[in-house]
Amino acid sequence: MIDGSVIVVSILMAFGIDALWAQYQLRIEEKETLASLRLDFVANLQAVNKVIDAHALFRGRVASLVSLSPEEIRALSQTEVSEIMLAMANPWTFAAVLGTTDSLVNGGKLSVLRDAKLRDALMTFLNQLADTVEDTNYLTRGAEELWKAETSHGGPWTDPETEIGYYGEIRGLTFIPKATPEDLLNVRSDPEIMGHSKRFHINAAYYVSELEHLRTSIEEILLIINEST
C-alpha cells in the first residue's frame, strides 16, 4: 500500500509539475506576444496619425486654391503651386502593421491573451480596418479620374521638392514639368477637374472619419496592453 501510494503521489506530482510548466510557458508566450503587439500598435498609431494629418493638409491647400484671386495665384512660389497641384487628389492610405495580430488570429492562438477585453479590441480593430477598403477604393478611383483630366491642360506635373511619398522622397521624375501658376489657373477654371477634386476630398473626409475610429481602437488596445504588463 505504501509503495502504491508513493507511485500515485509521484504521478500526481508529475502531472502537477507538467501543468505548472505549461502555464509558465503560456505566460512567457503571452508576455512576448504583448511586447510584439505593443510595437505593432505604436507603429499603427504613428501611421494612422500621419495619414490623417496629411489629408487635413491636402484639404487645406485645395481650399486655398478655391479662395485665392488670380493675382494671388500668380504670386505663389513654385513650391506653393506644386503643393496645391499635388493636393488636388493625393490618395494616401493607412497600411496597418498586422504581423502579430494575424499570427494570433490565423493561428488560432488568441487564447494566449488572458484579457478578454484585449481579444475583443483586436477583433474590433480588424473589422474596422476591413470597413476602410471601400473608402480606399473610392480614393484611388477618384484620383485616377482627376489625373486623366489633367492631361487636357498639359499635365500631369510634378516637382522634386513636393513629390513626397509616404516613405519619403520620390526620385527620377525630373523629366516631368513643374506646374506653373497659369497651369493652376487653368485647372481651377476646369469644372471637370475641380469636380473630381471636390469629390476626392469628400471621399477623403469619409475615409479620415473611418481612420479616426481606427485611431480610437488603436489607443484602446495600447491602453489595455499597458495595463496587462
Protein backbone atom coordinates (compact mmCIF):
# COMPACT_ATOMS: atom_id res chain seq x y z
CA MET A 1 0.00 0.00 0.00
CA ILE A 2 2.85 2.35 0.84
CA ASP A 3 4.55 1.63 -2.48
CA GLY A 4 1.29 2.18 -4.33
CA SER A 5 0.68 5.45 -2.53
CA VAL A 6 4.16 6.65 -3.38
CA ILE A 7 3.59 5.82 -7.04
CA VAL A 8 0.23 7.64 -7.09
CA VAL A 9 1.70 10.69 -5.36
CA SER A 10 4.64 10.65 -7.78
CA ILE A 11 2.32 10.54 -10.78
CA LEU A 12 0.16 13.36 -9.40
CA MET A 13 3.25 15.42 -8.69
CA ALA A 14 4.49 14.82 -12.21
CA PHE A 15 1.15 15.92 -13.65
CA GLY A 16 1.19 18.98 -11.40
CA ILE A 17 4.71 19.91 -12.44
CA ASP A 18 3.80 19.48 -16.12
CA ALA A 19 0.73 21.68 -15.65
CA LEU A 20 2.74 24.36 -13.87
CA TRP A 21 5.42 24.23 -16.56
CA ALA A 22 2.77 24.53 -19.29
CA GLN A 23 1.24 27.54 -17.53
CA TYR A 24 4.69 29.07 -17.16
CA GLN A 25 5.35 28.61 -20.88
CA LEU A 26 1.97 30.18 -21.73
CA ARG A 27 2.73 33.21 -19.59
CA ILE A 28 6.13 33.59 -21.28
CA GLU A 29 4.40 33.37 -24.66
CA GLU A 30 1.78 35.90 -23.58
CA LYS A 31 4.46 38.31 -22.37
CA GLU A 32 6.32 38.07 -25.68
CA THR A 33 3.07 38.46 -27.61
CA LEU A 34 2.08 41.57 -25.66
CA ALA A 35 5.50 43.10 -26.35
CA SER A 36 5.12 42.41 -30.07
CA LEU A 37 1.58 43.78 -30.09
CA ARG A 38 2.75 46.95 -28.40
CA LEU A 39 5.42 47.52 -31.07
CA ASP A 40 2.89 46.89 -33.86
CA PHE A 41 0.25 49.23 -32.45
CA VAL A 42 2.67 52.01 -31.58
CA ALA A 43 3.65 51.88 -35.26
CA ASN A 44 -0.03 51.79 -36.25
CA LEU A 45 -0.77 54.87 -34.15
CA GLN A 46 2.06 56.79 -35.75
CA ALA A 47 0.99 55.71 -39.24
CA VAL A 48 -2.70 56.50 -38.83
CA ASN A 49 -1.88 59.94 -37.42
CA LYS A 50 0.42 60.60 -40.37
CA VAL A 51 -2.32 59.80 -42.90
CA ILE A 52 -5.00 61.79 -41.03
CA ASP A 53 -2.69 64.82 -40.83
CA ALA A 54 -1.73 64.51 -44.49
CA HIS A 55 -5.34 64.63 -45.69
CA ALA A 56 -6.01 67.67 -43.49
CA LEU A 57 -3.00 69.36 -45.11
CA PHE A 58 -4.11 68.44 -48.64
CA ARG A 59 -7.64 69.66 -47.99
CA GLY A 60 -6.34 72.99 -46.70
CA ARG A 61 -4.22 73.51 -49.81
CA VAL A 62 -7.12 72.85 -52.17
CA ALA A 63 -9.33 75.15 -50.09
CA SER A 64 -6.75 77.90 -50.61
CA LEU A 65 -6.90 77.33 -54.39
CA VAL A 66 -10.65 77.91 -54.31
CA SER A 67 -10.35 81.13 -52.32
CA LEU A 68 -7.32 82.82 -53.91
CA SER A 69 -7.70 85.53 -56.54
CA PRO A 70 -5.98 85.14 -59.93
CA GLU A 71 -3.41 87.76 -58.86
CA GLU A 72 -2.69 85.85 -55.64
CA ILE A 73 -2.26 82.60 -57.58
CA ARG A 74 0.19 84.25 -59.98
CA ALA A 75 2.17 85.49 -56.98
CA LEU A 76 2.59 81.99 -55.50
CA SER A 77 6.06 80.47 -55.30
CA GLN A 78 6.93 77.39 -57.32
CA THR A 79 6.76 75.25 -54.19
CA GLU A 80 3.31 76.59 -53.28
CA VAL A 81 1.98 75.95 -56.78
CA SER A 82 3.39 72.41 -56.78
CA GLU A 83 1.99 71.67 -53.34
CA ILE A 84 -1.51 72.76 -54.32
CA MET A 85 -1.43 70.81 -57.58
CA LEU A 86 -0.29 67.67 -55.75
CA ALA A 87 -3.02 68.12 -53.14
CA MET A 88 -5.81 68.08 -55.73
CA ALA A 89 -6.01 64.30 -55.34
CA ASN A 90 -3.37 62.55 -53.28
CA PRO A 91 -4.67 59.13 -52.15
CA TRP A 92 -2.57 58.45 -49.08
CA THR A 93 -3.92 55.42 -47.23
CA PHE A 94 -3.22 53.65 -43.95
CA ALA A 95 -1.31 50.36 -44.15
CA ALA A 96 -1.73 48.65 -40.79
CA VAL A 97 1.04 46.59 -39.19
CA LEU A 98 -0.69 43.26 -38.62
CA GLY A 99 2.09 40.72 -38.17
CA THR A 100 1.38 39.75 -34.56
CA THR A 101 -2.42 40.12 -34.82
CA ASP A 102 -2.60 37.97 -37.95
CA SER A 103 -0.40 35.35 -36.31
CA LEU A 104 -2.75 35.17 -33.32
CA VAL A 105 -5.97 35.10 -35.33
CA ASN A 106 -4.91 32.88 -38.22
CA GLY A 107 -3.02 30.53 -35.92
CA GLY A 108 -5.96 30.16 -33.56
CA LYS A 109 -3.83 31.50 -30.68
CA LEU A 110 -5.91 34.40 -29.43
CA SER A 111 -6.45 32.42 -26.22
CA VAL A 112 -2.81 33.13 -25.33
CA LEU A 113 -4.11 36.56 -24.32
CA ARG A 114 -5.91 36.19 -20.99
CA ASP A 115 -7.60 39.59 -21.16
CA ALA A 116 -10.93 39.19 -22.96
CA LYS A 117 -11.09 42.96 -23.48
CA LEU A 118 -7.86 42.83 -25.48
CA ARG A 119 -9.08 39.94 -27.60
CA ASP A 120 -12.32 41.80 -28.34
CA ALA A 121 -10.46 45.04 -29.09
CA LEU A 122 -8.21 43.30 -31.61
CA MET A 123 -11.19 41.80 -33.43
CA THR A 124 -12.94 45.19 -33.44
CA PHE A 125 -9.82 46.76 -34.94
CA LEU A 126 -9.69 44.15 -37.71
CA ASN A 127 -13.38 44.67 -38.53
CA GLN A 128 -12.95 48.44 -38.66
CA LEU A 129 -9.89 48.03 -40.86
CA ALA A 130 -11.91 45.90 -43.29
CA ASP A 131 -14.53 48.66 -43.45
CA THR A 132 -11.93 51.10 -44.85
CA VAL A 133 -11.33 49.05 -48.01
CA GLU A 134 -14.31 50.58 -49.82
CA ASP A 135 -13.14 54.09 -48.94
CA THR A 136 -9.60 53.44 -50.17
CA ASN A 137 -11.02 52.17 -53.47
CA TYR A 138 -13.03 55.38 -53.85
CA LEU A 139 -9.91 57.44 -53.18
CA THR A 140 -7.86 55.57 -55.76
CA ARG A 141 -10.52 55.72 -58.47
CA GLY A 142 -11.19 59.39 -57.78
CA ALA A 143 -7.52 60.28 -58.04
CA GLU A 144 -7.18 58.36 -61.30
CA GLU A 145 -10.12 60.27 -62.83
CA LEU A 146 -8.58 63.60 -61.89
CA TRP A 147 -5.15 62.61 -63.18
CA LYS A 148 -6.68 61.68 -66.54
CA ALA A 149 -8.46 65.02 -66.75
CA GLU A 150 -5.19 66.89 -66.09
CA THR A 151 -3.81 65.76 -69.44
CA SER A 152 -6.15 68.15 -71.25
CA HIS A 153 -4.14 71.02 -69.72
CA GLY A 154 -0.68 69.58 -70.33
CA GLY A 155 -0.46 67.59 -67.11
CA PRO A 156 0.48 65.69 -65.15
CA TRP A 157 3.05 67.82 -63.38
CA THR A 158 5.48 67.13 -60.57
CA ASP A 159 8.18 68.81 -58.53
CA PRO A 160 11.05 67.04 -56.70
CA GLU A 161 10.57 69.48 -53.83
CA THR A 162 6.99 68.42 -53.18
CA GLU A 163 6.58 64.95 -54.71
CA ILE A 164 6.97 63.19 -51.38
CA GLY A 165 5.53 59.71 -50.94
CA TYR A 166 4.51 58.05 -47.72
CA TYR A 167 8.04 56.71 -47.22
CA GLY A 168 9.90 59.80 -48.37
CA GLU A 169 11.30 61.46 -51.48
CA ILE A 170 10.32 60.16 -54.92
CA ARG A 171 13.26 60.30 -57.33
CA GLY A 172 13.79 60.06 -61.07
CA LEU A 173 10.96 62.38 -62.15
CA THR A 174 12.96 65.44 -63.23
CA PHE A 175 11.86 65.00 -66.86
CA ILE A 176 8.26 65.80 -65.91
CA PRO A 177 7.47 69.55 -65.97
CA LYS A 178 6.53 71.59 -62.93
CA ALA A 179 3.12 73.24 -62.82
CA THR A 180 3.07 77.00 -63.29
CA PRO A 181 0.64 79.50 -61.80
CA GLU A 182 -1.07 79.60 -65.20
CA ASP A 183 -1.48 75.81 -65.12
CA LEU A 184 -3.08 76.19 -61.72
CA LEU A 185 -5.45 78.86 -63.02
CA ASN A 186 -6.38 76.65 -65.99
CA VAL A 187 -7.06 73.71 -63.69
CA ARG A 188 -9.19 75.84 -61.39
CA SER A 189 -11.27 77.06 -64.32
CA ASP A 190 -11.97 73.49 -65.48
CA PRO A 191 -15.24 72.32 -63.85
CA GLU A 192 -14.44 68.66 -64.55
CA ILE A 193 -11.11 68.73 -62.74
CA MET A 194 -12.45 70.78 -59.84
CA GLY A 195 -15.43 68.44 -59.61
CA HIS A 196 -13.12 65.44 -59.41
CA SER A 197 -11.03 67.18 -56.75
CA LYS A 198 -14.04 68.11 -54.64
CA ARG A 199 -15.40 64.58 -54.88
CA PHE A 200 -11.98 63.20 -53.94
CA HIS A 201 -11.85 65.33 -50.81
CA ILE A 202 -15.40 64.40 -49.86
CA ASN A 203 -14.37 60.73 -50.10
CA ALA A 204 -11.19 61.55 -48.18
CA ALA A 205 -13.25 63.12 -45.39
CA TYR A 206 -15.28 59.91 -45.05
CA TYR A 207 -12.06 57.90 -45.08
CA VAL A 208 -10.50 60.08 -42.39
CA SER A 209 -13.63 59.58 -40.29
CA GLU A 210 -13.03 55.82 -40.51
CA LEU A 211 -9.38 56.34 -39.60
CA GLU A 212 -10.34 58.34 -36.53
CA HIS A 213 -12.41 55.37 -35.32
CA LEU A 214 -9.40 53.16 -36.01
CA ARG A 215 -7.19 55.51 -34.04
CA THR A 216 -9.53 55.24 -31.06
CA SER A 217 -9.32 51.44 -31.27
CA ILE A 218 -5.54 51.55 -31.51
CA GLU A 219 -5.32 53.77 -28.43
CA GLU A 220 -7.65 51.44 -26.55
CA ILE A 221 -5.53 48.41 -27.48
CA LEU A 222 -2.35 50.13 -26.32
CA LEU A 223 -4.03 51.11 -23.05
CA ILE A 224 -5.12 47.51 -22.39
CA ILE A 225 -1.66 46.20 -23.24
CA ASN A 226 -0.05 48.66 -20.82
CA GLU A 227 -2.49 47.58 -18.09
CA SER A 228 -1.69 43.93 -18.77
CA THR A 229 2.07 44.27 -18.36
